Amino acid sequence: MTDATENKRRLTGTKIGTVVSDQRDKTRTVAIDYQSQHKKYGKFLARTAKFHVHDPENASKNGDRVEIASCRPISKTKSWRLVRVVEAARNEN
């Protein structure tokens, strides 16, 4: 296979979101904002989906932008894993 097809296959099933909770060990809650259109009225609505993500090294913190990918079920609610931290959160001191 070529490099382009390998990268394309690897990137399917990935999402980019913001870490909203890092209180649990090896688990993060990631919120992904998106827009959906109302079926009848056509208005665009802002929606948020939350995913429980497996982070084995505890690499991400609250406010970080992260890339997640779907994987096998790790627990009852976790079927996503952390791929990388896209952008670290800014420290407001």
N, C-alpha and C. Protein backbone atom coordinates (compact mmCIF):
# COMPACT_ATOMS: atom_id res chain seq x y z
N MET A 1 0.82 -1.19 0.00
CA MET A 1 0.00 0.00 0.00
C MET A 1 0.86 1.25 0.00
N THR A 2 0.29 2.31 -0.48
CA THR A 2 1.01 3.57 -0.48
C THR A 2 0.85 4.27 0.86
N ASP A 3 1.68 5.27 1.08
CA ASP A 3 1.61 6.01 2.34
C ASP A 3 0.28 6.76 2.48
N ALA A 4 -0.26 7.25 1.38
CA ALA A 4 -1.52 8.01 1.44
C ALA A 4 -2.67 7.12 1.90
N THR A 5 -2.73 5.88 1.40
CA THR A 5 -3.82 5.00 1.84
C THR A 5 -3.64 4.57 3.28
N GLU A 6 -2.41 4.39 3.73
CA GLU A 6 -2.19 4.04 5.13
C GLU A 6 -2.62 5.17 6.05
N ASN A 7 -2.27 6.42 5.70
CA ASN A 7 -2.68 7.56 6.50
C ASN A 7 -4.19 7.73 6.49
N LYS A 8 -4.81 7.51 5.34
CA LYS A 8 -6.25 7.66 5.23
C LYS A 8 -6.95 6.61 6.09
N ARG A 9 -6.47 5.39 6.06
CA ARG A 9 -7.08 4.33 6.85
C ARG A 9 -6.90 4.61 8.34
N ARG A 10 -5.76 5.13 8.72
CA ARG A 10 -5.47 5.39 10.13
C ARG A 10 -6.35 6.52 10.65
N LEU A 11 -6.68 7.50 9.81
CA LEU A 11 -7.42 8.67 10.27
C LEU A 11 -8.93 8.47 10.29
N THR A 12 -9.44 7.40 9.70
CA THR A 12 -10.87 7.19 9.76
C THR A 12 -11.27 6.82 11.17
N GLY A 13 -12.40 7.33 11.61
CA GLY A 13 -12.87 7.05 12.97
C GLY A 13 -12.20 7.90 14.02
N THR A 14 -11.58 9.02 13.64
CA THR A 14 -10.96 9.89 14.62
C THR A 14 -11.76 11.17 14.75
N LYS A 15 -11.67 11.79 15.92
CA LYS A 15 -12.35 13.05 16.20
C LYS A 15 -11.40 13.94 16.99
N ILE A 16 -11.64 15.24 16.94
CA ILE A 16 -10.86 16.19 17.72
C ILE A 16 -11.81 16.92 18.66
N GLY A 17 -11.45 16.95 19.95
CA GLY A 17 -12.30 17.58 20.94
C GLY A 17 -11.49 18.17 22.08
N THR A 18 -12.19 18.62 23.11
CA THR A 18 -11.58 19.28 24.26
C THR A 18 -11.79 18.43 25.51
N VAL A 19 -10.73 18.27 26.30
CA VAL A 19 -10.84 17.52 27.55
C VAL A 19 -11.60 18.38 28.55
N VAL A 20 -12.70 17.83 29.09
CA VAL A 20 -13.50 18.58 30.06
C VAL A 20 -13.40 17.99 31.46
N SER A 21 -12.86 16.77 31.59
CA SER A 21 -12.68 16.17 32.91
C SER A 21 -11.47 15.25 32.89
N ASP A 22 -10.57 15.43 33.89
CA ASP A 22 -9.40 14.56 34.02
C ASP A 22 -9.27 14.04 35.44
N GLN A 23 -10.38 13.83 36.11
CA GLN A 23 -10.36 13.43 37.52
C GLN A 23 -10.05 11.95 37.73
N ARG A 24 -10.33 11.12 36.74
CA ARG A 24 -10.12 9.68 36.91
C ARG A 24 -8.78 9.24 36.33
N ASP A 25 -8.22 8.19 36.90
CA ASP A 25 -6.94 7.67 36.45
C ASP A 25 -7.13 6.96 35.12
N LYS A 26 -6.34 7.32 34.12
CA LYS A 26 -6.32 6.72 32.78
C LYS A 26 -7.62 6.91 32.01
N THR A 27 -8.48 7.81 32.45
CA THR A 27 -9.73 8.09 31.75
C THR A 27 -9.94 9.59 31.65
N ARG A 28 -10.31 10.05 30.48
CA ARG A 28 -10.62 11.46 30.27
C ARG A 28 -12.01 11.55 29.64
N THR A 29 -12.70 12.65 29.91
CA THR A 29 -13.96 12.94 29.24
C THR A 29 -13.69 14.04 28.23
N VAL A 30 -14.01 13.75 26.97
CA VAL A 30 -13.74 14.67 25.88
C VAL A 30 -15.07 15.13 25.28
N ALA A 31 -15.24 16.45 25.17
CA ALA A 31 -16.44 17.02 24.56
C ALA A 31 -16.13 17.43 23.13
N ILE A 32 -17.03 17.05 22.22
CA ILE A 32 -16.88 17.38 20.82
C ILE A 32 -18.10 18.20 20.40
N ASP A 33 -17.85 19.42 19.95
CA ASP A 33 -18.93 20.32 19.52
C ASP A 33 -19.17 20.14 18.03
N TYR A 34 -20.44 20.10 17.65
CA TYR A 34 -20.80 19.99 16.24
C TYR A 34 -22.14 20.68 16.02
N GLN A 35 -22.53 20.85 14.77
CA GLN A 35 -23.81 21.45 14.44
C GLN A 35 -24.66 20.44 13.71
N SER A 36 -25.96 20.41 14.04
CA SER A 36 -26.89 19.58 13.31
C SER A 36 -28.06 20.45 12.89
N GLN A 37 -28.70 20.06 11.80
CA GLN A 37 -29.79 20.85 11.27
C GLN A 37 -31.12 20.24 11.69
N HIS A 38 -32.03 21.08 12.16
CA HIS A 38 -33.36 20.63 12.56
C HIS A 38 -34.08 20.11 11.31
N LYS A 39 -34.74 18.94 11.43
CA LYS A 39 -35.34 18.32 10.26
C LYS A 39 -36.47 19.15 9.66
N LYS A 40 -37.32 19.71 10.53
CA LYS A 40 -38.48 20.42 10.02
C LYS A 40 -38.18 21.89 9.69
N TYR A 41 -37.50 22.57 10.60
CA TYR A 41 -37.33 24.01 10.45
C TYR A 41 -36.01 24.42 9.79
N GLY A 42 -35.05 23.53 9.73
CA GLY A 42 -33.81 23.82 9.03
C GLY A 42 -32.81 24.65 9.81
N LYS A 43 -33.14 25.01 11.04
CA LYS A 43 -32.22 25.81 11.85
C LYS A 43 -31.05 24.94 12.29
N PHE A 44 -29.86 25.53 12.29
CA PHE A 44 -28.68 24.80 12.76
C PHE A 44 -28.59 24.92 14.27
N LEU A 45 -28.42 23.80 14.94
CA LEU A 45 -28.35 23.75 16.39
C LEU A 45 -26.94 23.36 16.82
N ALA A 46 -26.44 24.03 17.83
CA ALA A 46 -25.13 23.67 18.39
C ALA A 46 -25.32 22.51 19.34
N ARG A 47 -24.59 21.44 19.13
CA ARG A 47 -24.71 20.24 19.95
C ARG A 47 -23.34 19.87 20.51
N THR A 48 -23.35 19.11 21.61
CA THR A 48 -22.12 18.63 22.22
C THR A 48 -22.25 17.14 22.52
N ALA A 49 -21.25 16.38 22.13
CA ALA A 49 -21.20 14.96 22.45
C ALA A 49 -20.02 14.73 23.38
N LYS A 50 -20.22 13.91 24.42
CA LYS A 50 -19.13 13.61 25.35
C LYS A 50 -18.74 12.15 25.22
N PHE A 51 -17.44 11.91 25.19
CA PHE A 51 -16.90 10.56 25.07
C PHE A 51 -15.94 10.30 26.21
N HIS A 52 -15.97 9.08 26.75
CA HIS A 52 -14.99 8.65 27.73
C HIS A 52 -13.83 8.03 26.96
N VAL A 53 -12.63 8.52 27.24
CA VAL A 53 -11.45 8.19 26.44
C VAL A 53 -10.40 7.54 27.32
N HIS A 54 -9.76 6.48 26.80
CA HIS A 54 -8.68 5.80 27.51
C HIS A 54 -7.37 6.55 27.27
N ASP A 55 -6.73 6.99 28.35
CA ASP A 55 -5.46 7.72 28.29
C ASP A 55 -4.48 7.02 29.24
N PRO A 56 -3.77 5.98 28.77
CA PRO A 56 -2.97 5.16 29.69
C PRO A 56 -1.83 5.89 30.38
N GLU A 57 -1.26 6.94 29.75
CA GLU A 57 -0.15 7.66 30.38
C GLU A 57 -0.58 8.93 31.10
N ASN A 58 -1.89 9.19 31.16
CA ASN A 58 -2.41 10.43 31.75
C ASN A 58 -1.72 11.65 31.13
N ALA A 59 -1.62 11.65 29.80
CA ALA A 59 -0.88 12.69 29.08
C ALA A 59 -1.68 13.97 28.91
N SER A 60 -2.99 13.90 28.96
CA SER A 60 -3.81 15.09 28.71
C SER A 60 -4.33 15.68 30.02
N LYS A 61 -4.59 16.97 29.97
CA LYS A 61 -5.12 17.71 31.13
C LYS A 61 -6.37 18.46 30.70
N ASN A 62 -7.07 19.03 31.67
CA ASN A 62 -8.27 19.82 31.40
C ASN A 62 -7.98 20.94 30.43
N GLY A 63 -8.83 21.11 29.42
CA GLY A 63 -8.68 22.19 28.47
C GLY A 63 -7.84 21.86 27.25
N ASP A 64 -7.15 20.73 27.23
CA ASP A 64 -6.33 20.34 26.08
C ASP A 64 -7.22 19.97 24.89
N ARG A 65 -6.76 20.30 23.68
CA ARG A 65 -7.40 19.82 22.46
C ARG A 65 -6.72 18.50 22.11
N VAL A 66 -7.50 17.43 21.95
CA VAL A 66 -6.94 16.11 21.72
C VAL A 66 -7.60 15.45 20.52
N GLU A 67 -6.87 14.50 19.94
CA GLU A 67 -7.41 13.67 18.88
C GLU A 67 -7.68 12.30 19.47
N ILE A 68 -8.90 11.78 19.23
CA ILE A 68 -9.27 10.47 19.76
C ILE A 68 -9.68 9.56 18.60
N ALA A 69 -9.55 8.26 18.82
CA ALA A 69 -9.91 7.28 17.80
C ALA A 69 -10.74 6.18 18.44
N SER A 70 -11.65 5.62 17.68
CA SER A 70 -12.47 4.54 18.21
C SER A 70 -11.62 3.27 18.32
N CYS A 71 -11.97 2.43 19.27
CA CYS A 71 -11.22 1.19 19.50
C CYS A 71 -12.18 0.15 20.07
N ARG A 72 -11.66 -0.97 20.45
CA ARG A 72 -12.48 -2.01 21.07
C ARG A 72 -12.99 -1.50 22.42
N PRO A 73 -14.09 -2.03 22.92
CA PRO A 73 -14.56 -1.59 24.24
C PRO A 73 -13.56 -1.93 25.33
N ILE A 74 -13.16 -0.92 26.09
CA ILE A 74 -12.21 -1.11 27.18
C ILE A 74 -12.96 -1.31 28.49
N SER A 75 -14.09 -0.64 28.63
CA SER A 75 -14.95 -0.82 29.80
C SER A 75 -16.39 -0.58 29.34
N LYS A 76 -17.30 -0.44 30.30
CA LYS A 76 -18.71 -0.26 29.95
C LYS A 76 -18.93 1.00 29.12
N THR A 77 -18.22 2.07 29.44
CA THR A 77 -18.45 3.35 28.75
C THR A 77 -17.28 3.78 27.87
N LYS A 78 -16.12 3.13 27.95
CA LYS A 78 -14.94 3.56 27.19
C LYS A 78 -14.75 2.70 25.95
N SER A 79 -14.88 3.33 24.77
CA SER A 79 -14.53 2.65 23.53
C SER A 79 -13.78 3.60 22.60
N TRP A 80 -13.11 4.58 23.19
CA TRP A 80 -12.27 5.53 22.47
C TRP A 80 -10.91 5.58 23.15
N ARG A 81 -9.86 5.86 22.38
CA ARG A 81 -8.52 5.98 22.94
C ARG A 81 -7.90 7.29 22.49
N LEU A 82 -6.98 7.79 23.30
CA LEU A 82 -6.28 9.03 22.99
C LEU A 82 -5.20 8.76 21.94
N VAL A 83 -5.20 9.53 20.86
CA VAL A 83 -4.17 9.40 19.83
C VAL A 83 -3.03 10.36 20.12
N ARG A 84 -3.36 11.65 20.32
CA ARG A 84 -2.33 12.64 20.59
C ARG A 84 -2.98 13.89 21.16
N VAL A 85 -2.16 14.69 21.81
CA VAL A 85 -2.59 16.00 22.28
C VAL A 85 -2.28 16.99 21.16
N VAL A 86 -3.31 17.58 20.59
CA VAL A 86 -3.15 18.50 19.47
C VAL A 86 -2.62 19.85 19.96
N GLU A 87 -3.23 20.36 21.03
CA GLU A 87 -2.84 21.66 21.56
C GLU A 87 -3.03 21.64 23.07
N ALA A 88 -1.98 22.00 23.79
CA ALA A 88 -2.06 22.03 25.25
C ALA A 88 -2.86 23.24 25.70
N ALA A 89 -3.49 23.12 26.86
CA ALA A 89 -4.30 24.21 27.40
C ALA A 89 -3.39 25.36 27.84
N ARG A 90 -3.91 26.56 27.71
CA ARG A 90 -3.16 27.73 28.15
C ARG A 90 -3.32 27.88 29.65
N ASN A 91 -2.23 28.21 30.33
CA ASN A 91 -2.28 28.45 31.77
C ASN A 91 -2.58 29.91 32.02
N GLU A 92 -3.68 30.18 32.69
CA GLU A 92 -4.07 31.55 33.03
C GLU A 92 -3.64 31.82 34.46
N ASN A 93 -2.42 32.29 34.66
CA ASN A 93 -1.92 32.56 36.02
C ASN A 93 -2.07 34.00 36.39
